[in-house]
Amino acid sequence: MSPPPTFKDSSEANRANPMAADEVELARMGYKQELNRELGLMQNFGVSFSIISVITGIPSLFLYGLNTGGPVVMVWGWVVVSMFTMLVGLAMAEVCSAHPTSGGPYFWAAMLSKPKNAPLASWITGWFNLLGQVAVTTGISFACANFLSTACTLKTDFVPTANTTIGIYAAVLVAQGTINTFGVHLLQYLNNISVWWHAIGTFSLVVAILAKAPSHQSGAFVFQKFIDGTGGWGDRAGHAYVVVIGILMAQYTLTGFDASAHMTEETKNAAMSGSIGIVMAIGVSAILGWFLILGLLFSIQDLNATVDSATGQPVTQIFLDTVGEDGAIVLMVIVIGAMFFCGTFSITSNSRMMFAFARDGGIPGHNFFNYVNAKWKSPIRTVWLACFLSFCLGLPSLGSTVAFSAATSIATIGLYISYAIPIALRVVYRDSFVRGPFHLGRFSYPVAVTAVIWIAFISIAFILPQVNPVDSQTFNYSIVAVGIVIFYSVGFWLVSARKWFAGPIKQIAAEEMGINVMEPGEALKFEQAEKAAVVEI
């Protein structure tokens, strides 16, 4: 067996023929080029930037932020979270550069493990990533439905209910799924629109409310005001407890940047573009998000009226108080448009991850879901699977007042655990790691260790109760969802999957042996055939 190309070889190939080099690199990892490779660096960055979408995450959790720590936690919590998230992103970008495939974290976990542990590491990582991806789509698209409901109350007699919001949520998911059905050609243009919509829209929104606000809050209010609206957790557990759970707004918003990794099989010069896309998306979003938070906080006219707004959305109340009803409608359109784009690209990322996992036999019905439409070059079956699962995860909102914040907790925990596993393996087996063109040099190890510690911290923080007292209406059910994934992934592994799931399968080599790796048990045959070939050599 010939040795894999070195970092130098790959760089020379990229300069000579970037498209061919990407396909060679994908083939080296064992996969065929099935998706259209049409995206450039800016499009790859745009997908993660659109999914992070500060104009989605911040408005949708603004009420949560005001009640859970208030302005001081929102402002400085954003700064702290941004710094640690950048470390996570840098550690992920380094691994992405070494293994640029749409499988993302679950593929990395297998490649960075010892061979005997690779299937289990890949299996657990894949299921946490899938949970996080689904929950992110739920949080984004449900927020879009909520803001649509709120916008409909302006200048009308419409009164939104839980049932009507769920109906709007379903319609949003159907629209986003339909767009994703028509493949990467359409998404490429929408991606460009989305980037400018987010950048110009956020800037224009902040300038408008600051310029038109009758008065502005003081610097002391914005940078120092602490609020405990959790029902008394600050008195019972201390202000530190409120601060810890209050950073959810920032950490949830700065989530989903693994989308750049999931899109690498559709990106040119993937080993660099995917990594730079991750880092750029975090950096630009961190700056733009802080600007948005400050603009909204300085523009609050009456804190109590904003928190208890009849619209149900404090951000909408800020719009009404600053630019009036007509202006508020315009600004709501900007926010809702950003949320819709964000959800659309979340489904794009989600469907690519599910397709890659199905390609390796990791999800039930993988024979059916391992499918790329020949005309549109899109994994349309996993597109609709993503929509369906996200809709199901949004249903608890019918009977819970904290369902939305719980969904955001699930998204944050699920995704970040799937990020932590390959980063931790990178630390443990650092001597065997073969770096790609994007690397951190001497800073690689300390950055990765810090990233893992931070993820462990937030994974515990976001399963804690968020409202006091805890009852059926206020229970943080994120621990239930995470527990189900742990129980299912570990339990199914012990009962069945360990007998046939072999981790990411080298698709090309298997097909040359006449083995269909999508059949349960066939992946194991491929592993046995490979071992037999090694023995013969």
Protein backbone atom coordinates (compact mmCIF):
# COMPACT_ATOMS: atom_id res chain seq x y z
CA MET A 1 0.00 0.00 0.00
CA SER A 2 1.47 3.34 -0.98
CA PRO A 3 1.89 5.97 1.76
CA PRO A 4 -0.60 8.83 1.93
CA PRO A 5 0.42 12.14 0.39
CA THR A 6 2.36 14.42 2.68
CA PHE A 7 1.42 17.97 3.64
CA LYS A 8 3.91 19.23 1.03
CA ASP A 9 2.50 16.95 -1.67
CA SER A 10 -1.02 18.18 -0.97
CA SER A 11 0.03 21.83 -1.15
CA GLU A 12 1.73 21.35 -4.53
CA ALA A 13 -1.31 19.49 -5.85
CA ASN A 14 -3.61 22.26 -4.67
CA ARG A 15 -1.62 24.87 -6.52
CA ALA A 16 -1.58 22.78 -9.70
CA ASN A 17 -5.23 21.75 -9.79
CA PRO A 18 -7.26 22.58 -6.64
CA MET A 19 -10.38 20.68 -7.74
CA ALA A 20 -8.46 17.50 -8.59
CA ALA A 21 -6.46 17.76 -5.38
CA ASP A 22 -9.67 17.94 -3.32
CA GLU A 23 -10.99 14.78 -4.96
CA VAL A 24 -7.65 13.03 -4.45
CA GLU A 25 -7.69 14.01 -0.78
CA LEU A 26 -11.26 12.73 -0.40
CA ALA A 27 -10.29 9.49 -2.14
CA ARG A 28 -7.32 9.15 0.23
CA MET A 29 -9.84 9.16 3.07
CA GLY A 30 -11.78 6.47 1.22
CA TYR A 31 -14.74 8.31 -0.31
CA LYS A 32 -16.03 9.11 -3.78
CA GLN A 33 -16.88 12.65 -4.87
CA GLU A 34 -20.69 12.50 -4.91
CA LEU A 35 -21.66 16.06 -3.94
CA ASN A 36 -21.04 19.05 -6.20
CA ARG A 37 -17.80 20.80 -5.23
CA GLU A 38 -18.77 24.37 -6.14
CA LEU A 39 -18.30 26.40 -2.96
CA GLY A 40 -15.38 28.74 -2.34
CA LEU A 41 -13.92 30.04 0.92
CA MET A 42 -16.49 32.82 1.29
CA GLN A 43 -19.39 30.43 0.69
CA ASN A 44 -17.97 27.96 3.21
CA PHE A 45 -17.54 30.79 5.74
CA GLY A 46 -21.02 32.02 4.87
CA VAL A 47 -22.70 28.76 5.85
CA SER A 48 -21.21 28.82 9.37
CA PHE A 49 -21.71 32.58 9.67
CA SER A 50 -25.36 32.19 8.68
CA ILE A 51 -25.90 29.35 11.17
CA ILE A 52 -24.21 31.21 14.03
CA SER A 53 -26.41 34.18 13.02
CA VAL A 54 -26.09 36.63 15.89
CA ILE A 55 -29.28 38.31 14.75
CA THR A 56 -31.05 34.99 15.37
CA GLY A 57 -29.49 33.82 18.62
CA ILE A 58 -29.40 37.12 20.48
CA PRO A 59 -33.00 38.31 19.82
CA SER A 60 -34.44 34.81 20.41
CA LEU A 61 -32.79 34.54 23.86
CA PHE A 62 -32.80 38.24 24.75
CA LEU A 63 -35.57 37.81 27.33
CA TYR A 64 -33.70 34.87 28.83
CA GLY A 65 -30.57 37.04 29.03
CA LEU A 66 -32.36 39.94 30.70
CA ASN A 67 -33.83 37.63 33.36
CA THR A 68 -30.70 35.53 33.87
CA GLY A 69 -28.01 37.95 34.93
CA GLY A 70 -29.17 40.97 32.97
CA PRO A 71 -26.98 43.40 30.99
CA VAL A 72 -23.71 42.77 32.84
CA VAL A 73 -23.83 39.03 32.09
CA MET A 74 -25.05 39.59 28.53
CA VAL A 75 -22.24 42.04 27.74
CA TRP A 76 -19.26 40.53 29.53
CA GLY A 77 -20.50 36.97 29.26
CA TRP A 78 -20.44 37.45 25.48
CA VAL A 79 -16.80 38.55 25.61
CA VAL A 80 -15.71 35.60 27.76
CA VAL A 81 -17.69 33.06 25.76
CA SER A 82 -16.35 34.46 22.48
CA MET A 83 -12.76 34.00 23.62
CA PHE A 84 -13.25 30.39 24.72
CA THR A 85 -15.33 29.60 21.63
CA MET A 86 -12.50 30.88 19.44
CA LEU A 87 -10.17 28.41 21.17
CA VAL A 88 -12.64 25.60 20.46
CA GLY A 89 -12.87 26.76 16.85
CA LEU A 90 -9.10 26.89 16.42
CA ALA A 91 -8.72 23.37 17.80
CA MET A 92 -11.49 22.13 15.49
CA ALA A 93 -10.05 23.96 12.49
CA GLU A 94 -6.73 22.18 12.96
CA VAL A 95 -8.43 18.78 12.93
CA CYS A 96 -10.69 19.77 10.02
CA SER A 97 -7.65 20.66 7.94
CA ALA A 98 -6.22 17.19 8.50
CA HIS A 99 -9.51 15.42 7.68
CA PRO A 100 -11.76 17.58 5.42
CA THR A 101 -14.87 15.44 4.97
CA SER A 102 -18.59 16.05 5.46
CA GLY A 103 -18.64 13.57 8.35
CA GLY A 104 -16.98 16.24 10.46
CA PRO A 105 -16.48 15.44 14.17
CA TYR A 106 -17.63 11.82 14.02
CA PHE A 107 -15.16 11.07 11.21
CA TRP A 108 -12.39 12.90 13.07
CA ALA A 109 -13.07 10.87 16.22
CA ALA A 110 -12.45 7.64 14.32
CA MET A 111 -9.31 8.90 12.61
CA LEU A 112 -7.80 10.20 15.86
CA SER A 113 -8.53 7.08 17.95
CA LYS A 114 -6.63 3.87 18.27
CA PRO A 115 -8.01 1.46 15.62
CA LYS A 116 -9.73 -0.79 18.16
CA ASN A 117 -11.56 2.18 19.74
CA ALA A 118 -12.33 4.04 16.51
CA PRO A 119 -15.84 2.59 15.89
CA LEU A 120 -17.07 3.40 19.41
CA ALA A 121 -15.58 6.91 19.38
CA SER A 122 -17.14 7.57 15.98
CA TRP A 123 -20.51 6.16 17.04
CA ILE A 124 -20.83 8.24 20.24
CA THR A 125 -19.56 11.42 18.57
CA GLY A 126 -21.91 10.95 15.62
CA TRP A 127 -24.98 10.64 17.80
CA PHE A 128 -24.14 13.68 19.90
CA ASN A 129 -23.46 15.68 16.76
CA LEU A 130 -26.77 14.54 15.30
CA LEU A 131 -28.61 15.54 18.49
CA GLY A 132 -26.97 18.95 18.49
CA GLN A 133 -27.63 19.53 14.80
CA VAL A 134 -31.33 18.69 15.18
CA ALA A 135 -31.69 20.86 18.28
CA VAL A 136 -29.94 23.80 16.61
CA THR A 137 -32.40 23.64 13.72
CA THR A 138 -35.24 23.44 16.26
CA GLY A 139 -34.03 26.50 18.15
CA ILE A 140 -33.49 28.56 15.01
CA SER A 141 -36.65 27.71 13.11
CA PHE A 142 -38.86 27.82 16.21
CA ALA A 143 -37.50 31.29 16.96
CA CYS A 144 -38.36 32.26 13.38
CA ALA A 145 -41.92 31.01 13.93
CA ASN A 146 -42.18 32.92 17.22
CA PHE A 147 -41.03 36.17 15.64
CA LEU A 148 -43.38 35.65 12.70
CA SER A 149 -46.23 35.22 15.18
CA THR A 150 -45.18 38.40 16.96
CA ALA A 151 -44.85 40.35 13.70
CA CYS A 152 -48.39 39.33 12.76
CA THR A 153 -49.71 41.07 15.89
CA LEU A 154 -48.43 44.45 14.71
CA LYS A 155 -51.28 46.49 13.21
CA THR A 156 -53.64 43.48 13.40
CA ASP A 157 -55.89 41.77 15.95
CA PHE A 158 -54.02 38.47 15.61
CA VAL A 159 -53.39 36.74 18.95
CA PRO A 160 -50.79 33.95 18.71
CA THR A 161 -51.26 30.69 20.61
CA ALA A 162 -49.03 27.67 21.13
CA ASN A 163 -50.97 25.79 18.44
CA THR A 164 -50.70 28.53 15.83
CA THR A 165 -46.99 28.94 16.53
CA ILE A 166 -46.45 25.20 16.02
CA GLY A 167 -48.32 25.45 12.73
CA ILE A 168 -46.14 28.36 11.60
CA TYR A 169 -43.08 26.39 12.75
CA ALA A 170 -44.11 23.46 10.55
CA ALA A 171 -44.58 25.80 7.58
CA VAL A 172 -41.14 27.34 8.14
CA LEU A 173 -39.50 23.90 8.20
CA VAL A 174 -41.32 22.85 5.03
CA ALA A 175 -40.17 25.99 3.23
CA GLN A 176 -36.57 25.51 4.39
CA GLY A 177 -36.65 21.83 3.46
CA THR A 178 -37.98 22.66 0.00
CA ILE A 179 -35.14 25.10 -0.62
CA ASN A 180 -32.60 22.50 0.46
CA THR A 181 -34.19 19.92 -1.82
CA PHE A 182 -33.08 21.82 -4.91
CA GLY A 183 -29.43 21.42 -4.11
CA VAL A 184 -26.22 23.33 -3.89
CA HIS A 185 -26.81 25.49 -7.00
CA LEU A 186 -29.58 27.45 -5.31
CA LEU A 187 -27.88 27.42 -1.91
CA GLN A 188 -24.75 29.00 -3.32
CA TYR A 189 -26.68 32.13 -4.34
CA LEU A 190 -28.74 32.20 -1.15
CA ASN A 191 -25.53 31.90 0.83
CA ASN A 192 -24.17 35.11 -0.69
CA ILE A 193 -27.46 36.90 0.00
CA SER A 194 -27.50 35.58 3.57
CA VAL A 195 -24.01 36.85 4.40
CA TRP A 196 -24.84 40.37 3.27
CA TRP A 197 -28.31 40.22 4.84
CA HIS A 198 -26.77 39.36 8.22
CA ALA A 199 -23.93 41.87 8.02
CA ILE A 200 -25.78 44.88 6.59
CA GLY A 201 -29.05 44.01 8.34
CA THR A 202 -27.46 43.82 11.80
CA PHE A 203 -25.52 47.06 11.31
CA SER A 204 -28.56 48.91 9.95
CA LEU A 205 -30.79 47.66 12.76
CA VAL A 206 -28.43 48.83 15.48
CA VAL A 207 -27.85 52.23 13.85
CA ALA A 208 -31.61 52.73 13.40
CA ILE A 209 -32.60 52.03 17.00
CA LEU A 210 -29.70 54.02 18.46
CA ALA A 211 -30.39 56.99 16.21
CA LYS A 212 -34.17 57.05 16.79
CA ALA A 213 -34.27 56.13 20.49
CA PRO A 214 -35.82 58.99 22.52
CA SER A 215 -33.29 58.30 25.28
CA HIS A 216 -30.45 55.93 26.02
CA GLN A 217 -29.54 53.81 29.00
CA SER A 218 -26.43 54.78 30.96
CA GLY A 219 -23.10 53.01 30.68
CA ALA A 220 -23.57 51.84 34.28
CA PHE A 221 -26.80 50.07 33.31
CA VAL A 222 -25.34 48.40 30.22
CA PHE A 223 -22.01 47.33 31.67
CA GLN A 224 -22.82 46.80 35.37
CA LYS A 225 -26.53 46.09 35.90
CA PHE A 226 -27.20 42.62 37.33
CA ILE A 227 -30.73 41.18 37.27
CA ASP A 228 -31.95 37.94 38.81
CA GLY A 229 -35.28 37.07 37.23
CA THR A 230 -34.87 33.32 37.75
CA GLY A 231 -37.29 33.13 40.64
CA GLY A 232 -34.63 33.36 43.32
CA TRP A 233 -31.71 31.20 42.20
CA GLY A 234 -29.42 34.14 42.98
CA ASP A 235 -30.58 34.16 46.60
CA ARG A 236 -30.49 30.37 47.00
CA ALA A 237 -27.35 29.46 45.05
CA GLY A 238 -25.57 32.79 44.75
CA HIS A 239 -25.03 35.23 41.92
CA ALA A 240 -22.36 32.97 40.44
CA TYR A 241 -25.04 30.38 39.67
CA VAL A 242 -27.07 32.93 37.72
CA VAL A 243 -23.97 34.09 35.85
CA VAL A 244 -23.11 30.51 34.86
CA ILE A 245 -26.55 29.67 33.46
CA GLY A 246 -26.83 33.18 32.02
CA ILE A 247 -24.06 32.65 29.47
CA LEU A 248 -26.36 30.28 27.57
CA MET A 249 -27.45 33.15 25.31
CA ALA A 250 -23.88 33.74 24.15
CA GLN A 251 -22.82 30.12 23.94
CA TYR A 252 -25.93 29.00 22.07
CA THR A 253 -25.53 31.82 19.57
CA LEU A 254 -21.87 30.99 18.95
CA THR A 255 -22.71 27.42 17.96
CA GLY A 256 -22.96 25.55 14.67
CA PHE A 257 -19.64 26.52 13.12
CA ASP A 258 -18.94 22.83 12.40
CA ALA A 259 -21.09 23.52 9.33
CA SER A 260 -17.89 24.58 7.55
CA ALA A 261 -16.54 21.08 8.14
CA HIS A 262 -19.74 19.40 6.99
CA MET A 263 -19.58 21.39 3.74
CA THR A 264 -15.94 20.52 2.93
CA GLU A 265 -16.90 17.89 0.33
CA GLU A 266 -18.62 20.72 -1.55
CA THR A 267 -15.80 23.25 -1.03
CA LYS A 268 -12.75 23.93 -3.18
CA ASN A 269 -9.35 23.75 -1.44
CA ALA A 270 -11.21 22.16 1.45
CA ALA A 271 -8.23 21.54 3.74
CA MET A 272 -7.71 25.29 4.13
CA SER A 273 -11.12 26.77 3.28
CA GLY A 274 -13.04 24.67 5.82
CA SER A 275 -10.65 25.59 8.64
CA ILE A 276 -10.51 29.29 7.78
CA GLY A 277 -14.31 29.27 7.41
CA ILE A 278 -14.67 28.04 11.01
CA VAL A 279 -12.32 30.65 12.48
CA MET A 280 -13.66 33.53 10.37
CA ALA A 281 -17.27 32.72 11.24
CA ILE A 282 -16.54 32.80 14.98
CA GLY A 283 -14.46 35.97 14.82
CA VAL A 284 -16.83 38.03 12.69
CA SER A 285 -19.87 36.82 14.66
CA ALA A 286 -18.22 37.67 18.00
CA ILE A 287 -17.62 41.28 16.96
CA LEU A 288 -20.99 41.75 15.27
CA GLY A 289 -22.83 40.10 18.16
CA TRP A 290 -21.30 42.37 20.81
CA PHE A 291 -22.23 45.38 18.68
CA LEU A 292 -25.83 44.11 18.51
CA ILE A 293 -26.07 43.44 22.26
CA LEU A 294 -24.79 46.91 23.12
CA GLY A 295 -27.14 48.55 20.63
CA LEU A 296 -30.20 46.76 22.02
CA LEU A 297 -29.30 47.40 25.68
CA PHE A 298 -28.55 51.10 25.18
CA SER A 299 -31.89 51.48 23.35
CA ILE A 300 -34.10 50.05 26.11
CA GLN A 301 -36.58 52.76 27.16
CA ASP A 302 -38.30 51.11 30.13
CA LEU A 303 -36.77 47.91 31.49
CA ASN A 304 -39.93 46.55 33.14
CA ALA A 305 -42.08 47.32 30.10
CA THR A 306 -39.50 45.65 27.87
CA VAL A 307 -39.28 42.49 29.98
CA ASP A 308 -43.07 42.26 30.38
CA SER A 309 -43.86 43.33 26.80
CA ALA A 310 -47.33 42.46 25.54
CA THR A 311 -45.65 41.24 22.35
CA GLY A 312 -43.83 38.53 24.29
CA GLN A 313 -40.54 39.62 22.70
CA PRO A 314 -38.47 42.34 24.39
CA VAL A 315 -36.57 42.97 21.14
CA THR A 316 -39.85 43.77 19.39
CA GLN A 317 -40.73 46.13 22.23
CA ILE A 318 -37.39 47.91 21.78
CA PHE A 319 -38.20 48.35 18.10
CA LEU A 320 -41.65 49.76 18.90
CA ASP A 321 -40.24 52.17 21.51
CA THR A 322 -37.50 53.48 19.24
CA VAL A 323 -38.66 53.49 15.61
CA GLY A 324 -42.44 53.18 15.98
CA GLU A 325 -44.78 50.55 14.61
CA ASP A 326 -43.96 50.99 10.92
CA GLY A 327 -40.24 50.97 11.59
CA ALA A 328 -40.64 47.96 13.89
CA ILE A 329 -42.24 46.00 11.05
CA VAL A 330 -39.23 46.74 8.83
CA LEU A 331 -36.76 45.68 11.53
CA MET A 332 -38.77 42.54 12.27
CA VAL A 333 -38.54 41.63 8.58
CA ILE A 334 -34.74 41.93 8.84
CA VAL A 335 -34.65 39.67 11.91
CA ILE A 336 -37.11 37.12 10.52
CA GLY A 337 -35.26 37.01 7.20
CA ALA A 338 -31.99 36.33 9.01
CA MET A 339 -33.64 33.60 11.08
CA PHE A 340 -35.06 31.98 7.95
CA PHE A 341 -31.68 31.97 6.22
CA CYS A 342 -30.08 30.66 9.40
CA GLY A 343 -32.53 27.76 9.66
CA THR A 344 -32.18 26.96 5.97
CA PHE A 345 -28.41 26.54 6.26
CA SER A 346 -28.76 24.68 9.54
CA ILE A 347 -30.77 22.07 7.66
CA THR A 348 -28.09 22.08 4.95
CA SER A 349 -25.40 21.26 7.51
CA ASN A 350 -27.63 18.81 9.37
CA SER A 351 -28.52 16.88 6.22
CA ARG A 352 -24.85 16.56 5.16
CA MET A 353 -23.90 15.17 8.55
CA MET A 354 -26.79 12.68 8.45
CA PHE A 355 -25.88 11.67 4.90
CA ALA A 356 -22.26 11.04 5.89
CA PHE A 357 -23.33 9.08 8.98
CA ALA A 358 -25.77 7.02 6.89
CA ARG A 359 -23.06 6.41 4.30
CA ASP A 360 -21.12 4.68 7.06
CA GLY A 361 -24.16 2.77 8.36
CA GLY A 362 -24.56 4.84 11.53
CA ILE A 363 -28.30 5.63 11.57
CA PRO A 364 -31.40 3.43 11.34
CA GLY A 365 -32.60 3.14 7.76
CA HIS A 366 -29.17 4.04 6.44
CA ASN A 367 -29.79 2.17 3.17
CA PHE A 368 -32.63 4.60 2.48
CA PHE A 369 -30.92 7.77 3.73
CA ASN A 370 -27.60 7.12 1.98
CA TYR A 371 -28.87 8.79 -1.15
CA VAL A 372 -27.83 11.77 -3.27
CA ASN A 373 -30.32 12.93 -5.87
CA ALA A 374 -28.64 12.61 -9.27
CA LYS A 375 -30.22 15.76 -10.68
CA TRP A 376 -29.85 18.16 -7.77
CA LYS A 377 -26.73 16.61 -6.22
CA SER A 378 -28.38 16.97 -2.81
CA PRO A 379 -29.05 14.38 -0.06
CA ILE A 380 -32.75 15.18 -0.13
CA ARG A 381 -33.87 12.27 2.07
CA THR A 382 -31.73 13.43 4.98
CA VAL A 383 -32.94 16.99 4.33
CA TRP A 384 -36.48 15.90 5.18
CA LEU A 385 -35.30 13.66 8.01
CA ALA A 386 -33.67 16.73 9.55
CA CYS A 387 -36.91 18.72 9.18
CA PHE A 388 -39.01 15.94 10.71
CA LEU A 389 -36.77 15.39 13.74
CA SER A 390 -36.53 19.14 14.37
CA PHE A 391 -40.32 19.42 14.30
CA CYS A 392 -40.63 16.59 16.83
CA LEU A 393 -38.13 18.26 19.17
CA GLY A 394 -40.20 21.46 19.06
CA LEU A 395 -43.44 19.78 20.17
CA PRO A 396 -42.74 20.04 23.96
CA SER A 397 -43.26 23.80 23.59
CA LEU A 398 -46.99 23.04 23.63
CA GLY A 399 -46.79 22.18 27.35
CA SER A 400 -43.67 23.84 28.73
CA THR A 401 -42.79 27.47 29.35
CA VAL A 402 -39.04 26.78 29.17
CA ALA A 403 -39.05 24.38 26.22
CA PHE A 404 -37.29 26.84 23.94
CA SER A 405 -34.40 27.55 26.30
CA ALA A 406 -34.15 23.79 26.93
CA ALA A 407 -33.88 23.18 23.18
CA THR A 408 -31.07 25.72 23.00
CA SER A 409 -29.34 23.94 25.88
CA ILE A 410 -29.65 20.62 24.06
CA ALA A 411 -28.20 22.14 20.91
CA THR A 412 -25.27 23.62 22.78
CA ILE A 413 -24.49 20.50 24.84
CA GLY A 414 -24.95 18.05 21.97
CA LEU A 415 -22.80 19.94 19.49
CA TYR A 416 -20.06 20.89 21.90
CA ILE A 417 -19.68 17.34 23.25
CA SER A 418 -19.28 16.16 19.65
CA TYR A 419 -16.62 18.87 19.23
CA ALA A 420 -14.85 17.88 22.46
CA ILE A 421 -14.38 14.19 21.70
CA PRO A 422 -12.12 14.57 18.63
CA ILE A 423 -10.28 17.50 20.22
CA ALA A 424 -9.62 15.39 23.34
CA LEU A 425 -8.44 12.49 21.19
CA ARG A 426 -6.16 14.92 19.39
CA VAL A 427 -4.63 15.72 22.80
CA VAL A 428 -4.33 12.12 24.00
CA TYR A 429 -2.82 10.81 20.76
CA ARG A 430 -0.99 13.98 19.77
CA ASP A 431 2.18 12.13 18.78
CA SER A 432 0.40 10.28 15.98
CA PHE A 433 -1.54 13.29 14.65
CA VAL A 434 -0.65 14.22 11.06
CA ARG A 435 -1.48 17.86 10.67
CA GLY A 436 -2.98 19.52 7.61
CA PRO A 437 -2.04 22.84 6.02
CA PHE A 438 -3.87 24.77 8.79
CA HIS A 439 -2.15 24.18 12.12
CA LEU A 440 -1.37 25.99 15.40
CA GLY A 441 2.21 24.89 15.88
CA ARG A 442 3.39 25.08 19.49
CA PHE A 443 0.01 26.44 20.60
CA SER A 444 -1.87 23.37 19.43
CA TYR A 445 -1.73 21.41 22.69
CA PRO A 446 -2.63 24.20 25.18
CA VAL A 447 -5.43 25.45 22.93
CA ALA A 448 -6.93 21.97 22.64
CA VAL A 449 -6.71 21.28 26.40
CA THR A 450 -8.37 24.60 27.24
CA ALA A 451 -11.11 23.92 24.69
CA VAL A 452 -11.93 20.53 26.24
CA ILE A 453 -12.06 21.96 29.77
CA TRP A 454 -14.41 24.74 28.63
CA ILE A 455 -16.74 22.29 26.92
CA ALA A 456 -16.86 20.10 30.03
CA PHE A 457 -17.82 23.19 32.05
CA ILE A 458 -20.67 24.35 29.79
CA SER A 459 -22.00 20.79 29.38
CA ILE A 460 -22.64 20.70 33.12
CA ALA A 461 -23.82 24.31 33.35
CA PHE A 462 -26.57 24.02 30.78
CA ILE A 463 -28.36 21.03 32.30
CA LEU A 464 -28.87 22.97 35.55
CA PRO A 465 -32.36 24.27 36.45
CA GLN A 466 -32.96 27.69 34.92
CA VAL A 467 -36.12 28.78 36.74
CA ASN A 468 -37.10 28.43 40.42
CA PRO A 469 -39.16 26.62 41.62
CA VAL A 470 -38.64 23.55 39.45
CA ASP A 471 -41.89 21.89 38.35
CA SER A 472 -43.35 20.26 35.23
CA GLN A 473 -43.59 23.66 33.52
CA THR A 474 -40.10 24.89 34.37
CA PHE A 475 -38.10 21.65 34.31
CA ASN A 476 -35.00 21.88 32.10
CA TYR A 477 -35.61 18.82 29.97
CA SER A 478 -32.25 19.12 28.21
CA ILE A 479 -30.88 16.55 30.64
CA VAL A 480 -33.61 14.14 29.48
CA ALA A 481 -32.73 14.57 25.80
CA VAL A 482 -29.01 14.22 26.47
CA GLY A 483 -29.71 11.19 28.67
CA ILE A 484 -31.77 9.55 25.92
CA VAL A 485 -28.92 9.97 23.44
CA ILE A 486 -26.41 8.53 25.92
CA PHE A 487 -28.74 5.63 26.76
CA TYR A 488 -29.51 4.92 23.10
CA SER A 489 -26.00 5.27 21.72
CA VAL A 490 -24.29 3.28 24.48
CA GLY A 491 -27.12 0.76 24.86
CA PHE A 492 -27.52 0.10 21.14
CA TRP A 493 -23.75 -0.14 20.83
CA LEU A 494 -23.55 -2.86 23.48
CA VAL A 495 -26.57 -4.76 22.17
CA SER A 496 -26.00 -4.57 18.43
CA ALA A 497 -23.92 -1.86 16.80
CA ARG A 498 -20.56 -3.11 18.12
CA LYS A 499 -21.08 -6.28 16.09
CA TRP A 500 -21.35 -4.49 12.75
CA PHE A 501 -20.56 -0.75 12.95
CA ALA A 502 -16.91 -0.29 12.01
CA GLY A 503 -16.76 3.49 11.94
CA PRO A 504 -16.16 5.51 8.78
CA ILE A 505 -15.81 2.97 5.97
CA LYS A 506 -13.46 3.37 3.05
CA GLN A 507 -16.19 3.39 0.44
CA ILE A 508 -13.94 3.12 -2.62
CA ALA A 509 -11.91 0.18 -1.36
CA ALA A 510 -15.05 -1.64 -0.25
CA GLU A 511 -16.69 -1.28 -3.66
CA GLU A 512 -13.55 -2.63 -5.30
CA MET A 513 -14.01 -5.74 -3.16
CA GLY A 514 -17.65 -5.99 -4.20
CA ILE A 515 -18.88 -5.17 -0.68
CA ASN A 516 -21.90 -2.93 -0.05
CA VAL A 517 -20.92 -1.19 3.17
CA MET A 518 -24.45 0.09 3.67
CA GLU A 519 -25.73 -3.35 4.68
CA PRO A 520 -25.46 -4.26 8.39
CA GLY A 521 -22.63 -6.74 8.72
CA GLU A 522 -21.07 -5.78 5.39
CA ALA A 523 -18.90 -3.12 7.04
CA LEU A 524 -17.52 -5.83 9.30
CA LYS A 525 -16.72 -7.96 6.23
CA PHE A 526 -14.76 -5.05 4.83
CA GLU A 527 -12.77 -4.72 8.04
CA GLN A 528 -12.03 -8.45 7.99
CA ALA A 529 -11.02 -8.30 4.33
CA GLU A 530 -8.63 -5.43 5.07
CA LYS A 531 -7.07 -7.33 7.96
CA ALA A 532 -6.67 -10.42 5.77
CA ALA A 533 -4.97 -8.32 3.09
CA VAL A 534 -2.53 -6.96 5.67
CA VAL A 535 -1.70 -10.49 6.88
CA GLU A 536 -1.02 -11.64 3.31
CA ILE A 537 1.35 -8.71 2.79
